[in-house]
Amino acid sequence: MEWLKNFLQIKKIIALLITIVFCYLAVNGAISSTEFLTIFSMIIAFYFGQSSARQAAKESKEQE
């Protein structure tokens, strides 16, 4: 149940939907592979950057 709760967070849903849309556009030739790679990299970097920052803040609070 906890896994489902974590999976359904809005940021994760947005990242997943954007990834699906850009994959669709890339497969259909609407965007180039370079554009896809640039946008996808930014999405993944932002998502993991936010997750890492949140985890670091959580750990620092636990150590206090």
C-alpha atoms as a PDB file:
ATOM      1  CA  MET A   1       0.000   0.000   0.000  1.00  0.00           C
ATOM      2  CA  GLU A   2       2.863   2.394   0.822  1.00  0.00           C
ATOM      3  CA  TRP A   3       4.408   1.700  -2.596  1.00  0.00           C
ATOM      4  CA  LEU A   4       1.151   2.669  -4.344  1.00  0.00           C
ATOM      5  CA  LYS A   5       0.890   5.839  -2.257  1.00  0.00           C
ATOM      6  CA  ASN A   6       4.448   6.841  -3.212  1.00  0.00           C
ATOM      7  CA  PHE A   7       3.866   5.965  -6.868  1.00  0.00           C
ATOM      8  CA  LEU A   8       0.806   8.179  -7.160  1.00  0.00           C
ATOM      9  CA  GLN A   9       2.472  11.418  -6.129  1.00  0.00           C
ATOM     10  CA  ILE A  10       1.722  14.247  -8.573  1.00  0.00           C
ATOM     11  CA  LYS A  11       5.348  14.928  -9.532  1.00  0.00           C
ATOM     12  CA  LYS A  12       5.836  11.302 -10.444  1.00  0.00           C
ATOM     13  CA  ILE A  13       2.651  11.263 -12.512  1.00  0.00           C
ATOM     14  CA  ILE A  14       3.694  14.412 -14.369  1.00  0.00           C
ATOM     15  CA  ALA A  15       7.178  13.061 -15.064  1.00  0.00           C
ATOM     16  CA  LEU A  16       5.718   9.774 -16.303  1.00  0.00           C
ATOM     17  CA  LEU A  17       3.151  11.464 -18.549  1.00  0.00           C
ATOM     18  CA  ILE A  18       5.701  13.850 -20.043  1.00  0.00           C
ATOM     19  CA  THR A  19       8.024  10.927 -20.711  1.00  0.00           C
ATOM     20  CA  ILE A  20       5.242   9.005 -22.460  1.00  0.00           C
ATOM     21  CA  VAL A  21       4.259  12.026 -24.576  1.00  0.00           C
ATOM     22  CA  PHE A  22       7.817  12.725 -25.680  1.00  0.00           C
ATOM     23  CA  CYS A  23       8.395   9.042 -26.453  1.00  0.00           C
ATOM     24  CA  TYR A  24       5.266   9.094 -28.608  1.00  0.00           C
ATOM     25  CA  LEU A  25       6.386  12.259 -30.399  1.00  0.00           C
ATOM     26  CA  ALA A  26       9.846  10.837 -31.007  1.00  0.00           C
ATOM     27  CA  VAL A  27       8.511   7.547 -32.399  1.00  0.00           C
ATOM     28  CA  ASN A  28       6.146   9.396 -34.757  1.00  0.00           C
ATOM     29  CA  GLY A  29       8.918  11.702 -35.959  1.00  0.00           C
ATOM     30  CA  ALA A  30       7.342  14.884 -34.609  1.00  0.00           C
ATOM     31  CA  ILE A  31      10.558  15.705 -32.740  1.00  0.00           C
ATOM     32  CA  SER A  32      14.141  14.744 -33.423  1.00  0.00           C
ATOM     33  CA  SER A  33      16.130  12.378 -31.258  1.00  0.00           C
ATOM     34  CA  THR A  34      18.323  15.286 -30.139  1.00  0.00           C
ATOM     35  CA  GLU A  35      15.304  17.260 -28.945  1.00  0.00           C
ATOM     36  CA  PHE A  36      13.927  14.181 -27.202  1.00  0.00           C
ATOM     37  CA  LEU A  37      17.203  13.479 -25.444  1.00  0.00           C
ATOM     38  CA  THR A  38      17.557  17.088 -24.275  1.00  0.00           C
ATOM     39  CA  ILE A  39      14.027  17.330 -22.891  1.00  0.00           C
ATOM     40  CA  PHE A  40      14.034  13.855 -21.373  1.00  0.00           C
ATOM     41  CA  SER A  41      17.392  14.513 -19.676  1.00  0.00           C
ATOM     42  CA  MET A  42      16.081  17.726 -18.143  1.00  0.00           C
ATOM     43  CA  ILE A  43      12.960  15.982 -16.826  1.00  0.00           C
ATOM     44  CA  ILE A  44      14.928  13.116 -15.293  1.00  0.00           C
ATOM     45  CA  ALA A  45      17.578  15.448 -13.833  1.00  0.00           C
ATOM     46  CA  PHE A  46      14.925  17.657 -12.249  1.00  0.00           C
ATOM     47  CA  TYR A  47      12.997  14.714 -10.835  1.00  0.00           C
ATOM     48  CA  PHE A  48      16.030  12.988  -9.345  1.00  0.00           C
ATOM     49  CA  GLY A  49      17.480  16.305  -8.156  1.00  0.00           C
ATOM     50  CA  GLN A  50      14.289  17.040  -6.250  1.00  0.00           C
ATOM     51  CA  SER A  51      14.190  13.518  -4.825  1.00  0.00           C
ATOM     52  CA  SER A  52      17.819  13.708  -3.696  1.00  0.00           C
ATOM     53  CA  ALA A  53      17.347  17.111  -2.087  1.00  0.00           C
ATOM     54  CA  ARG A  54      14.245  15.906  -0.267  1.00  0.00           C
ATOM     55  CA  GLN A  55      16.057  12.784   0.956  1.00  0.00           C
ATOM     56  CA  ALA A  56      19.053  14.819   2.160  1.00  0.00           C
ATOM     57  CA  ALA A  57      16.782  17.205   4.067  1.00  0.00           C
ATOM     58  CA  LYS A  58      14.959  14.268   5.630  1.00  0.00           C
ATOM     59  CA  GLU A  59      18.223  12.646   6.741  1.00  0.00           C
ATOM     60  CA  SER A  60      19.567  15.873   8.234  1.00  0.00           C
ATOM     61  CA  LYS A  61      16.384  16.283  10.288  1.00  0.00           C
ATOM     62  CA  GLU A  62      16.681  12.705  11.567  1.00  0.00           C
ATOM     63  CA  GLN A  63      20.278  13.298  12.704  1.00  0.00           C
ATOM     64  CA  GLU A  64      19.331  16.294  14.852  1.00  0.00           C
END
